[in-house]
């Protein structure tokens, strides 16, 4: 007898089986909660991405590939993530890259490597200077 209830083999077997069936879902509950939280964060990021304004197509002049030997040319470029800021993230940028040339962008953490590539892709507002691109562009991270 347990708690005033007579113990019978059928009740014991069904109770043990019920706990065995519930064991795996109970063990996986923390992982499920974590996945739900990660899913919510991902959906929030996607939603905020869809609410962004379109990029300004006038940030760079784009020419067909055959028109020039130069693939990327930035002259006296100043760029800022915040257009209202008077302090540009990158200033006095002068770059000339010919077609077929491989370029490595190296530097310390926070030195502006990603910002420079974002300028070439037209993702950072241009404050001054000119950006000329010839051919197509692709970004792989």
N, C-alpha and C. Protein backbone atom coordinates (compact mmCIF):
# COMPACT_ATOMS: atom_id res chain seq x y z
N UNK A 1 0.82 -1.18 0.00
CA UNK A 1 0.00 0.00 0.00
C UNK A 1 0.87 1.25 0.00
N UNK A 2 0.49 2.23 -0.82
CA UNK A 2 1.22 3.49 -0.91
C UNK A 2 0.20 4.61 -0.88
N UNK A 3 0.32 5.49 0.11
CA UNK A 3 -0.62 6.60 0.29
C UNK A 3 -2.06 6.11 0.40
N UNK A 4 -2.24 4.97 0.96
CA UNK A 4 -3.58 4.43 1.14
C UNK A 4 -4.15 3.79 -0.10
N UNK A 5 -3.35 3.66 -1.16
CA UNK A 5 -3.82 3.05 -2.41
C UNK A 5 -3.15 1.69 -2.53
N UNK A 6 -3.94 0.66 -2.73
CA UNK A 6 -3.31 -0.66 -2.87
C UNK A 6 -2.51 -0.74 -4.17
N UNK A 7 -1.28 -1.28 -4.07
CA UNK A 7 -0.41 -1.41 -5.24
C UNK A 7 -0.80 -2.66 -6.03
N UNK A 8 -1.06 -2.44 -7.30
CA UNK A 8 -1.38 -3.56 -8.18
C UNK A 8 -0.42 -3.50 -9.36
N UNK A 9 -0.08 -4.65 -9.87
CA UNK A 9 0.92 -4.71 -10.94
C UNK A 9 0.47 -3.93 -12.18
N UNK A 10 -0.79 -3.92 -12.51
CA UNK A 10 -1.29 -3.19 -13.68
C UNK A 10 -1.12 -1.69 -13.53
N UNK A 11 -1.42 -1.17 -12.33
CA UNK A 11 -1.27 0.26 -12.09
C UNK A 11 0.20 0.67 -12.09
N UNK A 12 1.04 -0.18 -11.49
CA UNK A 12 2.48 0.12 -11.45
C UNK A 12 3.05 0.13 -12.87
N UNK A 13 2.69 -0.87 -13.68
CA UNK A 13 3.19 -0.96 -15.05
C UNK A 13 2.73 0.23 -15.89
N UNK A 14 1.48 0.61 -15.78
CA UNK A 14 0.99 1.74 -16.57
C UNK A 14 1.63 3.06 -16.10
N UNK A 15 1.88 3.21 -14.80
CA UNK A 15 2.53 4.41 -14.29
C UNK A 15 3.97 4.50 -14.78
N UNK A 16 4.71 3.40 -14.71
CA UNK A 16 6.10 3.39 -15.18
C UNK A 16 6.15 3.66 -16.68
N UNK A 17 5.25 3.08 -17.44
CA UNK A 17 5.20 3.29 -18.89
C UNK A 17 4.88 4.75 -19.22
N UNK A 18 3.95 5.34 -18.47
CA UNK A 18 3.60 6.75 -18.68
C UNK A 18 4.81 7.64 -18.44
N UNK A 19 5.53 7.40 -17.33
CA UNK A 19 6.73 8.20 -17.05
C UNK A 19 7.81 7.99 -18.11
N UNK A 20 7.93 6.76 -18.61
CA UNK A 20 8.92 6.48 -19.66
C UNK A 20 8.57 7.23 -20.94
N UNK A 21 7.28 7.29 -21.28
CA UNK A 21 6.84 8.02 -22.47
C UNK A 21 7.10 9.51 -22.32
N UNK A 22 6.91 10.06 -21.11
CA UNK A 22 7.10 11.49 -20.87
C UNK A 22 8.57 11.89 -20.69
N UNK A 23 9.45 10.92 -20.50
CA UNK A 23 10.86 11.21 -20.21
C UNK A 23 11.54 12.00 -21.32
N UNK A 24 11.45 11.57 -22.56
CA UNK A 24 12.12 12.25 -23.67
C UNK A 24 11.60 13.66 -23.91
N UNK A 25 10.27 13.88 -23.95
CA UNK A 25 9.80 15.27 -24.12
C UNK A 25 10.25 16.19 -22.99
N UNK A 26 10.30 15.69 -21.78
CA UNK A 26 10.74 16.52 -20.65
C UNK A 26 12.22 16.86 -20.80
N UNK A 27 13.03 15.88 -21.23
CA UNK A 27 14.46 16.14 -21.44
C UNK A 27 14.71 17.15 -22.56
N UNK A 28 13.89 17.13 -23.60
CA UNK A 28 14.12 18.02 -24.75
C UNK A 28 13.45 19.38 -24.59
N UNK A 29 12.72 19.61 -23.52
CA UNK A 29 12.03 20.89 -23.31
C UNK A 29 12.98 22.09 -23.28
N UNK A 30 14.12 22.05 -22.57
CA UNK A 30 15.02 23.22 -22.59
C UNK A 30 15.55 23.54 -24.00
N UNK A 31 15.88 22.51 -24.78
CA UNK A 31 16.35 22.74 -26.15
C UNK A 31 15.24 23.35 -27.00
N UNK A 32 14.03 22.90 -26.80
CA UNK A 32 12.90 23.44 -27.56
C UNK A 32 12.66 24.90 -27.22
N UNK A 33 12.75 25.25 -25.95
CA UNK A 33 12.58 26.64 -25.54
C UNK A 33 13.68 27.51 -26.15
N UNK A 34 14.92 27.01 -26.15
CA UNK A 34 16.04 27.74 -26.75
C UNK A 34 15.82 27.94 -28.25
N UNK A 35 15.34 26.91 -28.95
CA UNK A 35 15.08 27.04 -30.38
C UNK A 35 13.97 28.04 -30.67
N UNK A 36 12.96 28.08 -29.82
CA UNK A 36 11.88 29.05 -30.00
C UNK A 36 12.41 30.46 -29.84
N UNK A 37 13.29 30.68 -28.85
CA UNK A 37 13.88 32.01 -28.65
C UNK A 37 14.73 32.41 -29.85
N UNK A 38 15.54 31.47 -30.37
CA UNK A 38 16.37 31.76 -31.54
C UNK A 38 15.51 32.05 -32.77
N UNK A 39 14.42 31.34 -32.91
CA UNK A 39 13.51 31.57 -34.03
C UNK A 39 12.90 32.95 -33.96
N UNK A 40 12.51 33.38 -32.76
CA UNK A 40 11.94 34.71 -32.59
C UNK A 40 12.95 35.79 -32.94
N UNK A 41 14.21 35.63 -32.50
CA UNK A 41 15.25 36.60 -32.84
C UNK A 41 15.45 36.66 -34.35
N UNK A 42 15.49 35.50 -35.00
CA UNK A 42 15.68 35.46 -36.45
C UNK A 42 14.52 36.12 -37.18
N UNK A 43 13.31 35.85 -36.75
CA UNK A 43 12.14 36.47 -37.39
C UNK A 43 12.12 37.98 -37.18
N UNK A 44 12.57 38.44 -36.00
CA UNK A 44 12.66 39.88 -35.76
C UNK A 44 13.68 40.53 -36.69
N UNK A 45 14.81 39.84 -36.91
CA UNK A 45 15.84 40.37 -37.82
C UNK A 45 15.30 40.45 -39.25
N UNK A 46 14.60 39.41 -39.68
CA UNK A 46 14.04 39.42 -41.03
C UNK A 46 13.01 40.54 -41.17
N UNK A 47 12.18 40.71 -40.15
CA UNK A 47 11.16 41.77 -40.19
C UNK A 47 11.81 43.15 -40.24
N UNK A 48 12.88 43.36 -39.45
CA UNK A 48 13.54 44.67 -39.48
C UNK A 48 14.25 44.90 -40.81
N UNK A 49 14.76 43.83 -41.43
CA UNK A 49 15.39 43.95 -42.75
C UNK A 49 14.36 44.39 -43.79
N UNK A 50 13.18 43.81 -43.73
CA UNK A 50 12.14 44.17 -44.70
C UNK A 50 11.62 45.59 -44.52
N UNK A 51 11.81 46.16 -43.34
CA UNK A 51 11.35 47.53 -43.08
C UNK A 51 12.38 48.58 -43.50
N UNK A 52 13.59 48.15 -43.90
CA UNK A 52 14.63 49.10 -44.29
C UNK A 52 14.27 49.81 -45.59
N UNK A 53 14.80 51.01 -45.74
CA UNK A 53 14.62 51.75 -46.99
C UNK A 53 15.50 51.14 -48.07
N UNK A 54 15.11 51.32 -49.31
CA UNK A 54 15.93 50.85 -50.43
C UNK A 54 17.20 51.68 -50.51
N UNK A 55 18.26 51.06 -51.03
CA UNK A 55 19.52 51.76 -51.19
C UNK A 55 19.39 52.83 -52.27
N UNK A 56 20.11 53.92 -52.09
CA UNK A 56 20.12 54.99 -53.08
C UNK A 56 20.95 54.53 -54.27
N UNK A 57 20.35 54.46 -55.43
CA UNK A 57 21.06 53.98 -56.61
C UNK A 57 22.05 55.01 -57.14
N UNK A 58 22.00 56.25 -56.66
CA UNK A 58 22.90 57.28 -57.14
C UNK A 58 24.21 57.36 -56.39
N UNK A 59 24.49 56.41 -55.52
CA UNK A 59 25.74 56.45 -54.75
C UNK A 59 26.95 56.16 -55.64
N UNK A 60 26.77 55.37 -56.68
CA UNK A 60 27.88 55.00 -57.55
C UNK A 60 27.44 55.07 -59.00
N UNK A 61 28.39 55.44 -59.85
CA UNK A 61 28.15 55.39 -61.30
C UNK A 61 28.56 54.00 -61.77
N UNK A 62 27.67 53.33 -62.46
CA UNK A 62 27.95 51.97 -62.91
C UNK A 62 28.00 51.96 -64.43
N UNK A 63 29.11 51.42 -64.95
CA UNK A 63 29.34 51.36 -66.39
C UNK A 63 29.43 49.90 -66.83
N UNK A 64 29.10 49.60 -68.07
CA UNK A 64 29.30 48.24 -68.58
C UNK A 64 30.78 47.86 -68.54
N UNK A 65 31.06 46.58 -68.43
CA UNK A 65 32.44 46.11 -68.25
C UNK A 65 33.37 46.54 -69.38
N UNK A 66 32.95 46.56 -70.60
CA UNK A 66 33.82 46.87 -71.72
C UNK A 66 34.18 48.34 -71.85
N UNK A 67 33.51 49.22 -71.10
CA UNK A 67 33.74 50.66 -71.25
C UNK A 67 35.04 51.14 -70.62
N UNK A 68 35.61 50.37 -69.69
CA UNK A 68 36.79 50.86 -68.98
C UNK A 68 37.66 49.69 -68.54
N UNK A 69 38.97 49.96 -68.38
CA UNK A 69 39.88 48.96 -67.84
C UNK A 69 39.83 48.94 -66.32
N UNK A 70 39.21 49.93 -65.73
CA UNK A 70 39.14 50.06 -64.28
C UNK A 70 37.83 49.45 -63.78
N UNK A 71 37.92 48.54 -62.81
CA UNK A 71 36.73 47.90 -62.24
C UNK A 71 36.13 48.74 -61.12
N UNK A 72 36.99 49.29 -60.26
CA UNK A 72 36.54 50.10 -59.12
C UNK A 72 37.40 51.35 -59.05
N UNK A 73 36.76 52.49 -58.96
CA UNK A 73 37.51 53.73 -58.80
C UNK A 73 36.75 54.64 -57.83
N UNK A 74 37.39 54.93 -56.71
CA UNK A 74 36.83 55.87 -55.73
C UNK A 74 37.80 57.04 -55.66
N UNK A 75 37.29 58.24 -55.85
CA UNK A 75 38.12 59.44 -55.84
C UNK A 75 37.61 60.39 -54.76
N UNK A 76 38.52 60.73 -53.83
CA UNK A 76 38.21 61.66 -52.72
C UNK A 76 36.89 61.31 -52.04
N UNK A 77 36.69 60.04 -51.77
CA UNK A 77 35.44 59.58 -51.18
C UNK A 77 35.38 59.77 -49.68
N UNK A 78 34.29 60.30 -49.21
CA UNK A 78 34.00 60.38 -47.78
C UNK A 78 32.64 59.73 -47.57
N UNK A 79 32.58 58.82 -46.59
CA UNK A 79 31.38 58.03 -46.36
C UNK A 79 31.05 58.02 -44.88
N UNK A 80 29.76 57.99 -44.58
CA UNK A 80 29.32 57.95 -43.18
C UNK A 80 28.07 57.10 -43.07
N UNK A 81 28.04 56.25 -42.06
CA UNK A 81 26.85 55.44 -41.83
C UNK A 81 25.68 56.33 -41.43
N UNK A 82 25.98 57.42 -40.72
CA UNK A 82 24.95 58.37 -40.28
C UNK A 82 25.11 59.64 -41.10
N UNK A 83 24.17 59.92 -41.98
CA UNK A 83 24.28 61.07 -42.88
C UNK A 83 24.31 62.38 -42.11
N UNK A 84 23.63 62.44 -40.97
CA UNK A 84 23.59 63.69 -40.20
C UNK A 84 24.87 63.93 -39.41
N UNK A 85 25.74 62.94 -39.31
CA UNK A 85 26.99 63.09 -38.57
C UNK A 85 27.99 63.91 -39.38
N UNK A 86 28.72 64.80 -38.70
CA UNK A 86 29.72 65.61 -39.40
C UNK A 86 31.07 64.90 -39.44
N UNK A 87 31.19 63.76 -38.75
CA UNK A 87 32.44 63.01 -38.73
C UNK A 87 32.27 61.74 -39.57
N UNK A 88 32.87 61.70 -40.78
CA UNK A 88 32.67 60.53 -41.64
C UNK A 88 33.39 59.29 -41.10
N UNK A 89 32.82 58.13 -41.39
CA UNK A 89 33.46 56.87 -41.00
C UNK A 89 34.72 56.64 -41.83
N UNK A 90 34.68 57.00 -43.10
CA UNK A 90 35.84 56.92 -43.99
C UNK A 90 35.95 58.24 -44.73
N UNK A 91 37.16 58.79 -44.81
CA UNK A 91 37.33 60.05 -45.53
C UNK A 91 38.59 60.01 -46.37
N UNK A 92 38.58 60.80 -47.44
CA UNK A 92 39.71 60.90 -48.38
C UNK A 92 40.12 59.54 -48.92
N UNK A 93 39.16 58.75 -49.35
CA UNK A 93 39.44 57.42 -49.90
C UNK A 93 39.70 57.56 -51.39
N UNK A 94 40.85 57.04 -51.82
CA UNK A 94 41.22 57.02 -53.23
C UNK A 94 41.68 55.60 -53.57
N UNK A 95 40.93 54.93 -54.42
CA UNK A 95 41.23 53.55 -54.80
C UNK A 95 41.01 53.41 -56.30
N UNK A 96 41.90 52.66 -56.92
CA UNK A 96 41.73 52.33 -58.33
C UNK A 96 42.11 50.86 -58.49
N UNK A 97 41.16 50.03 -58.94
CA UNK A 97 41.39 48.60 -59.11
C UNK A 97 41.04 48.23 -60.54
N UNK A 98 42.00 47.63 -61.24
CA UNK A 98 41.78 47.22 -62.63
C UNK A 98 41.03 45.88 -62.67
N UNK A 99 40.39 45.61 -63.79
CA UNK A 99 39.70 44.33 -63.98
C UNK A 99 40.69 43.19 -63.87
N UNK A 100 40.27 42.10 -63.23
CA UNK A 100 41.09 40.90 -63.13
C UNK A 100 42.11 40.92 -62.01
N UNK A 101 42.23 42.01 -61.30
CA UNK A 101 43.19 42.12 -60.20
C UNK A 101 42.52 41.67 -58.91
N UNK A 102 43.22 40.83 -58.15
CA UNK A 102 42.72 40.41 -56.84
C UNK A 102 43.27 41.35 -55.78
N UNK A 103 42.40 41.80 -54.89
CA UNK A 103 42.79 42.77 -53.86
C UNK A 103 42.44 42.20 -52.50
N UNK A 104 43.38 42.28 -51.56
CA UNK A 104 43.13 41.89 -50.18
C UNK A 104 43.01 43.15 -49.34
N UNK A 105 41.97 43.22 -48.54
CA UNK A 105 41.76 44.36 -47.65
C UNK A 105 42.14 43.89 -46.25
N UNK A 106 43.25 44.42 -45.73
CA UNK A 106 43.77 43.99 -44.43
C UNK A 106 43.80 45.16 -43.47
N UNK A 107 43.69 44.86 -42.20
CA UNK A 107 43.76 45.90 -41.19
C UNK A 107 43.34 45.37 -39.84
N UNK A 108 43.52 46.20 -38.82
CA UNK A 108 43.16 45.80 -37.47
C UNK A 108 41.65 45.86 -37.28
N UNK A 109 41.21 45.34 -36.17
CA UNK A 109 39.78 45.36 -35.84
C UNK A 109 39.32 46.81 -35.72
N UNK A 110 38.23 47.14 -36.41
CA UNK A 110 37.67 48.48 -36.33
C UNK A 110 38.34 49.50 -37.22
N UNK A 111 39.20 49.05 -38.13
CA UNK A 111 39.92 50.01 -38.98
C UNK A 111 39.13 50.42 -40.23
N UNK A 112 37.98 49.77 -40.50
CA UNK A 112 37.13 50.19 -41.61
C UNK A 112 37.13 49.28 -42.81
N UNK A 113 37.61 48.05 -42.65
CA UNK A 113 37.63 47.12 -43.79
C UNK A 113 36.23 46.83 -44.31
N UNK A 114 35.34 46.47 -43.42
CA UNK A 114 33.96 46.16 -43.82
C UNK A 114 33.25 47.41 -44.32
N UNK A 115 33.54 48.55 -43.73
CA UNK A 115 32.93 49.80 -44.19
C UNK A 115 33.38 50.13 -45.60
N UNK A 116 34.66 49.89 -45.91
CA UNK A 116 35.16 50.13 -47.26
C UNK A 116 34.44 49.25 -48.27
N UNK A 117 34.30 47.97 -47.95
CA UNK A 117 33.60 47.07 -48.86
C UNK A 117 32.13 47.46 -49.00
N UNK A 118 31.53 47.92 -47.90
CA UNK A 118 30.13 48.37 -47.97
C UNK A 118 30.00 49.62 -48.82
N UNK A 119 31.03 50.47 -48.83
CA UNK A 119 31.02 51.66 -49.70
C UNK A 119 31.01 51.24 -51.16
N UNK A 120 31.82 50.25 -51.48
CA UNK A 120 31.89 49.77 -52.86
C UNK A 120 30.55 49.15 -53.27
N UNK A 121 29.89 48.47 -52.35
CA UNK A 121 28.59 47.85 -52.64
C UNK A 121 27.45 48.86 -52.66
N UNK A 122 27.73 50.09 -52.22
CA UNK A 122 26.70 51.13 -52.22
C UNK A 122 25.80 51.09 -51.00
N UNK A 123 26.28 50.50 -49.91
CA UNK A 123 25.47 50.38 -48.71
C UNK A 123 25.69 51.52 -47.72
N UNK A 124 26.77 52.28 -47.90
CA UNK A 124 27.08 53.39 -46.99
C UNK A 124 26.84 54.70 -47.74
N UNK A 125 26.09 55.62 -47.14
CA UNK A 125 25.84 56.90 -47.81
C UNK A 125 27.14 57.66 -48.10
N UNK A 126 27.23 58.18 -49.31
CA UNK A 126 28.41 58.94 -49.75
C UNK A 126 28.20 60.41 -49.38
N UNK A 127 29.17 61.00 -48.69
CA UNK A 127 29.09 62.41 -48.34
C UNK A 127 29.71 63.26 -49.44
N UNK A 128 30.83 62.79 -49.99
CA UNK A 128 31.49 63.52 -51.07
C UNK A 128 32.35 62.57 -51.87
N UNK A 129 32.84 63.04 -53.01
CA UNK A 129 33.69 62.23 -53.87
C UNK A 129 32.88 61.50 -54.93
N UNK A 130 33.57 60.62 -55.64
CA UNK A 130 32.89 59.86 -56.70
C UNK A 130 33.25 58.39 -56.59
N UNK A 131 32.29 57.56 -56.93
CA UNK A 131 32.47 56.11 -56.96
C UNK A 131 32.05 55.64 -58.33
N UNK A 132 32.98 54.98 -59.03
CA UNK A 132 32.69 54.47 -60.37
C UNK A 132 32.97 52.97 -60.37
N UNK A 133 32.01 52.21 -60.84
CA UNK A 133 32.13 50.76 -60.91
C UNK A 133 31.89 50.32 -62.34
N UNK A 134 32.69 49.37 -62.79
CA UNK A 134 32.55 48.85 -64.14
C UNK A 134 32.35 47.35 -64.05
N UNK A 135 31.27 46.85 -64.62
CA UNK A 135 30.99 45.42 -64.56
C UNK A 135 30.03 45.10 -63.43
N UNK A 136 30.01 43.85 -63.04
CA UNK A 136 29.10 43.42 -61.98
C UNK A 136 29.86 43.26 -60.68
N UNK A 137 29.12 43.17 -59.59
CA UNK A 137 29.75 43.02 -58.28
C UNK A 137 29.01 41.94 -57.51
N UNK A 138 29.75 41.28 -56.63
CA UNK A 138 29.17 40.25 -55.77
C UNK A 138 29.86 40.32 -54.42
N UNK A 139 29.13 39.98 -53.39
CA UNK A 139 29.68 40.00 -52.03
C UNK A 139 29.51 38.62 -51.43
N UNK A 140 30.61 38.03 -50.97
CA UNK A 140 30.58 36.72 -50.35
C UNK A 140 31.25 36.84 -48.99
N UNK A 141 30.54 36.44 -47.95
CA UNK A 141 31.11 36.53 -46.60
C UNK A 141 31.44 35.15 -46.08
